[in-house]
Amino acid sequence: MTKVGNLLVGGKLTDDVIAEAGDKCTSAAKPMDNTDLDLYWRRDVVAAFVGYALREIRGDDMRATRERISRQTFAIPLQPA
């Protein structure tokens, strides 16, 4: 994860940087094989969730994405007032 930190510190969160950070996190991920979900799918989804988090940090409005991936609406707004 140090490589990801080095990539992110001091730079702009461009789409390319976010994609590269997701790829680096995916290669470092070691999900446990304790569910019915495919181990490879769980490993690959790491890049997607890293991307969601970094886009939100960048300031993108991720509310619709959060609702889509959680399949429910949020009772409490997650954006700071």
N, C-alpha and C. Protein backbone atom coordinates (compact mmCIF):
# COMPACT_ATOMS: atom_id res chain seq x y z
N MET A 1 0.81 -1.19 0.00
CA MET A 1 0.00 0.00 0.00
C MET A 1 0.86 1.26 0.00
N THR A 2 2.14 1.14 0.32
CA THR A 2 3.02 2.30 0.28
C THR A 2 3.09 2.87 -1.12
N LYS A 3 3.07 2.01 -2.14
CA LYS A 3 3.12 2.48 -3.52
C LYS A 3 1.89 3.33 -3.84
N VAL A 4 0.74 2.93 -3.32
CA VAL A 4 -0.48 3.70 -3.55
C VAL A 4 -0.38 5.04 -2.84
N GLY A 5 0.10 5.04 -1.62
CA GLY A 5 0.27 6.28 -0.88
C GLY A 5 1.20 7.23 -1.59
N ASN A 6 2.31 6.71 -2.07
CA ASN A 6 3.27 7.54 -2.80
C ASN A 6 2.65 8.12 -4.07
N LEU A 7 1.79 7.36 -4.70
CA LEU A 7 1.11 7.82 -5.92
C LEU A 7 0.16 8.97 -5.61
N LEU A 8 -0.50 8.90 -4.46
CA LEU A 8 -1.56 9.86 -4.14
C LEU A 8 -1.09 11.12 -3.44
N VAL A 9 -0.02 11.04 -2.67
CA VAL A 9 0.43 12.18 -1.87
C VAL A 9 1.00 13.27 -2.77
N GLY A 10 0.46 14.47 -2.61
CA GLY A 10 1.00 15.63 -3.30
C GLY A 10 0.58 15.81 -4.74
N GLY A 11 -0.23 14.92 -5.26
CA GLY A 11 -0.65 15.04 -6.65
C GLY A 11 -2.13 15.32 -6.79
N LYS A 12 -2.56 15.54 -8.01
CA LYS A 12 -3.98 15.75 -8.29
C LYS A 12 -4.65 14.40 -8.48
N LEU A 13 -5.91 14.33 -8.07
CA LEU A 13 -6.69 13.10 -8.23
C LEU A 13 -7.36 13.10 -9.60
N THR A 14 -6.56 12.85 -10.62
CA THR A 14 -7.11 12.75 -11.97
C THR A 14 -7.71 11.36 -12.15
N ASP A 15 -8.49 11.18 -13.20
CA ASP A 15 -9.07 9.86 -13.47
C ASP A 15 -7.98 8.81 -13.67
N ASP A 16 -6.88 9.19 -14.32
CA ASP A 16 -5.78 8.24 -14.53
C ASP A 16 -5.12 7.83 -13.22
N VAL A 17 -4.92 8.78 -12.32
CA VAL A 17 -4.32 8.48 -11.02
C VAL A 17 -5.25 7.58 -10.21
N ILE A 18 -6.54 7.87 -10.25
CA ILE A 18 -7.52 7.05 -9.53
C ILE A 18 -7.52 5.63 -10.07
N ALA A 19 -7.48 5.47 -11.39
CA ALA A 19 -7.45 4.13 -11.99
C ALA A 19 -6.18 3.38 -11.60
N GLU A 20 -5.06 4.06 -11.61
CA GLU A 20 -3.80 3.42 -11.23
C GLU A 20 -3.81 3.02 -9.75
N ALA A 21 -4.36 3.88 -8.90
CA ALA A 21 -4.46 3.55 -7.47
C ALA A 21 -5.35 2.32 -7.28
N GLY A 22 -6.44 2.25 -8.00
CA GLY A 22 -7.32 1.09 -7.93
C GLY A 22 -6.61 -0.18 -8.35
N ASP A 23 -5.84 -0.10 -9.43
CA ASP A 23 -5.08 -1.27 -9.91
C ASP A 23 -4.05 -1.72 -8.87
N LYS A 24 -3.36 -0.77 -8.28
CA LYS A 24 -2.35 -1.13 -7.27
C LYS A 24 -3.00 -1.75 -6.04
N CYS A 25 -4.14 -1.23 -5.63
CA CYS A 25 -4.85 -1.81 -4.48
C CYS A 25 -5.36 -3.21 -4.81
N THR A 26 -5.82 -3.41 -6.03
CA THR A 26 -6.29 -4.73 -6.44
C THR A 26 -5.17 -5.75 -6.38
N SER A 27 -3.99 -5.37 -6.83
CA SER A 27 -2.87 -6.32 -6.82
C SER A 27 -2.42 -6.63 -5.40
N ALA A 28 -2.67 -5.71 -4.46
CA ALA A 28 -2.28 -5.94 -3.06
C ALA A 28 -3.38 -6.62 -2.25
N ALA A 29 -4.60 -6.64 -2.77
CA ALA A 29 -5.74 -7.18 -2.02
C ALA A 29 -5.63 -8.70 -1.87
N LYS A 30 -5.99 -9.16 -0.69
CA LYS A 30 -6.02 -10.59 -0.41
C LYS A 30 -7.33 -10.91 0.32
N PRO A 31 -8.45 -10.89 -0.43
CA PRO A 31 -9.74 -11.14 0.22
C PRO A 31 -9.83 -12.57 0.74
N MET A 32 -10.54 -12.70 1.85
CA MET A 32 -10.72 -14.02 2.45
C MET A 32 -11.73 -14.82 1.62
N ASP A 33 -11.55 -16.11 1.57
CA ASP A 33 -12.46 -16.98 0.83
C ASP A 33 -13.48 -17.57 1.80
N ASN A 34 -14.34 -16.70 2.34
CA ASN A 34 -15.27 -17.15 3.37
C ASN A 34 -16.73 -16.86 3.03
N THR A 35 -17.02 -16.60 1.75
CA THR A 35 -18.40 -16.36 1.33
C THR A 35 -18.67 -17.12 0.05
N ASP A 36 -19.92 -17.08 -0.39
CA ASP A 36 -20.29 -17.72 -1.64
C ASP A 36 -19.87 -16.90 -2.86
N LEU A 37 -19.52 -15.65 -2.64
CA LEU A 37 -19.11 -14.80 -3.75
C LEU A 37 -17.74 -15.24 -4.26
N ASP A 38 -17.56 -15.11 -5.55
CA ASP A 38 -16.32 -15.53 -6.19
C ASP A 38 -15.13 -14.72 -5.67
N LEU A 39 -14.07 -15.41 -5.32
CA LEU A 39 -12.87 -14.77 -4.78
C LEU A 39 -12.30 -13.75 -5.76
N TYR A 40 -12.29 -14.09 -7.05
CA TYR A 40 -11.73 -13.19 -8.05
C TYR A 40 -12.59 -11.95 -8.23
N TRP A 41 -13.91 -12.09 -8.14
CA TRP A 41 -14.80 -10.94 -8.23
C TRP A 41 -14.54 -10.00 -7.06
N ARG A 42 -14.42 -10.56 -5.85
CA ARG A 42 -14.18 -9.72 -4.67
C ARG A 42 -12.86 -8.99 -4.78
N ARG A 43 -11.89 -9.63 -5.37
CA ARG A 43 -10.60 -8.97 -5.56
C ARG A 43 -10.73 -7.84 -6.58
N ASP A 44 -11.44 -8.09 -7.67
CA ASP A 44 -11.59 -7.08 -8.72
C ASP A 44 -12.43 -5.89 -8.27
N VAL A 45 -13.37 -6.11 -7.37
CA VAL A 45 -14.25 -5.03 -6.93
C VAL A 45 -13.48 -4.01 -6.07
N VAL A 46 -12.31 -4.38 -5.60
CA VAL A 46 -11.48 -3.46 -4.82
C VAL A 46 -11.21 -2.19 -5.62
N ALA A 47 -10.86 -2.32 -6.88
CA ALA A 47 -10.56 -1.15 -7.71
C ALA A 47 -11.77 -0.23 -7.83
N ALA A 48 -12.95 -0.82 -7.96
CA ALA A 48 -14.17 -0.01 -8.08
C ALA A 48 -14.41 0.79 -6.81
N PHE A 49 -14.29 0.15 -5.65
CA PHE A 49 -14.56 0.86 -4.40
C PHE A 49 -13.47 1.88 -4.07
N VAL A 50 -12.23 1.59 -4.42
CA VAL A 50 -11.17 2.58 -4.26
C VAL A 50 -11.48 3.80 -5.14
N GLY A 51 -11.92 3.53 -6.35
CA GLY A 51 -12.29 4.62 -7.26
C GLY A 51 -13.43 5.47 -6.72
N TYR A 52 -14.46 4.81 -6.17
CA TYR A 52 -15.59 5.55 -5.59
C TYR A 52 -15.10 6.46 -4.47
N ALA A 53 -14.28 5.91 -3.59
CA ALA A 53 -13.80 6.68 -2.43
C ALA A 53 -12.94 7.87 -2.88
N LEU A 54 -12.03 7.64 -3.81
CA LEU A 54 -11.14 8.72 -4.26
C LEU A 54 -11.90 9.79 -5.02
N ARG A 55 -12.91 9.40 -5.79
CA ARG A 55 -13.72 10.40 -6.49
C ARG A 55 -14.50 11.26 -5.50
N GLU A 56 -14.97 10.65 -4.43
CA GLU A 56 -15.67 11.43 -3.41
C GLU A 56 -14.71 12.38 -2.71
N ILE A 57 -13.51 11.92 -2.41
CA ILE A 57 -12.50 12.79 -1.80
C ILE A 57 -12.18 13.95 -2.73
N ARG A 58 -12.14 13.66 -4.03
CA ARG A 58 -11.86 14.70 -5.03
C ARG A 58 -12.97 15.75 -5.08
N GLY A 59 -14.15 15.38 -4.62
CA GLY A 59 -15.26 16.34 -4.61
C GLY A 59 -16.39 15.98 -5.55
N ASP A 60 -16.28 14.83 -6.23
CA ASP A 60 -17.36 14.40 -7.12
C ASP A 60 -18.59 14.05 -6.29
N ASP A 61 -19.76 14.28 -6.84
CA ASP A 61 -21.01 13.92 -6.17
C ASP A 61 -21.26 12.43 -6.41
N MET A 62 -21.07 11.63 -5.38
CA MET A 62 -21.17 10.17 -5.49
C MET A 62 -22.47 9.63 -4.89
N ARG A 63 -23.43 10.51 -4.58
CA ARG A 63 -24.67 10.05 -3.94
C ARG A 63 -25.41 9.03 -4.78
N ALA A 64 -25.57 9.29 -6.07
CA ALA A 64 -26.30 8.35 -6.93
C ALA A 64 -25.57 7.01 -7.01
N THR A 65 -24.25 7.06 -7.07
CA THR A 65 -23.47 5.82 -7.11
C THR A 65 -23.62 5.04 -5.82
N ARG A 66 -23.56 5.72 -4.68
CA ARG A 66 -23.73 5.04 -3.38
C ARG A 66 -25.09 4.38 -3.30
N GLU A 67 -26.14 5.08 -3.75
CA GLU A 67 -27.47 4.49 -3.71
C GLU A 67 -27.58 3.30 -4.66
N ARG A 68 -26.95 3.39 -5.83
CA ARG A 68 -27.02 2.30 -6.79
C ARG A 68 -26.32 1.05 -6.27
N ILE A 69 -25.12 1.22 -5.70
CA ILE A 69 -24.38 0.03 -5.26
C ILE A 69 -24.90 -0.53 -3.95
N SER A 70 -25.57 0.30 -3.15
CA SER A 70 -26.12 -0.21 -1.89
C SER A 70 -27.55 -0.67 -2.06
N ARG A 71 -28.16 -0.32 -3.18
CA ARG A 71 -29.54 -0.69 -3.51
C ARG A 71 -30.55 -0.14 -2.51
N GLN A 72 -30.23 0.98 -1.89
CA GLN A 72 -31.18 1.63 -0.99
C GLN A 72 -30.86 3.11 -0.91
N THR A 73 -31.83 3.89 -0.51
CA THR A 73 -31.59 5.31 -0.31
C THR A 73 -31.10 5.53 1.11
N PHE A 74 -30.42 6.61 1.31
CA PHE A 74 -29.88 6.92 2.62
C PHE A 74 -30.79 7.90 3.34
N ALA A 75 -31.14 7.59 4.57
CA ALA A 75 -32.01 8.45 5.36
C ALA A 75 -31.28 9.72 5.79
N ILE A 76 -29.99 9.61 6.01
CA ILE A 76 -29.18 10.73 6.47
C ILE A 76 -28.27 11.16 5.32
N PRO A 77 -28.27 12.43 4.96
CA PRO A 77 -27.37 12.87 3.89
C PRO A 77 -25.92 12.63 4.29
N LEU A 78 -25.14 12.11 3.36
CA LEU A 78 -23.75 11.81 3.64
C LEU A 78 -22.81 12.94 3.27
N GLN A 79 -23.34 13.98 2.64
CA GLN A 79 -22.53 15.14 2.29
C GLN A 79 -22.53 16.11 3.46
N PRO A 80 -21.40 16.72 3.77
CA PRO A 80 -21.38 17.72 4.84
C PRO A 80 -22.27 18.91 4.47
N ALA A 81 -22.88 19.49 5.46
CA ALA A 81 -23.79 20.63 5.23
C ALA A 81 -23.01 21.90 4.99
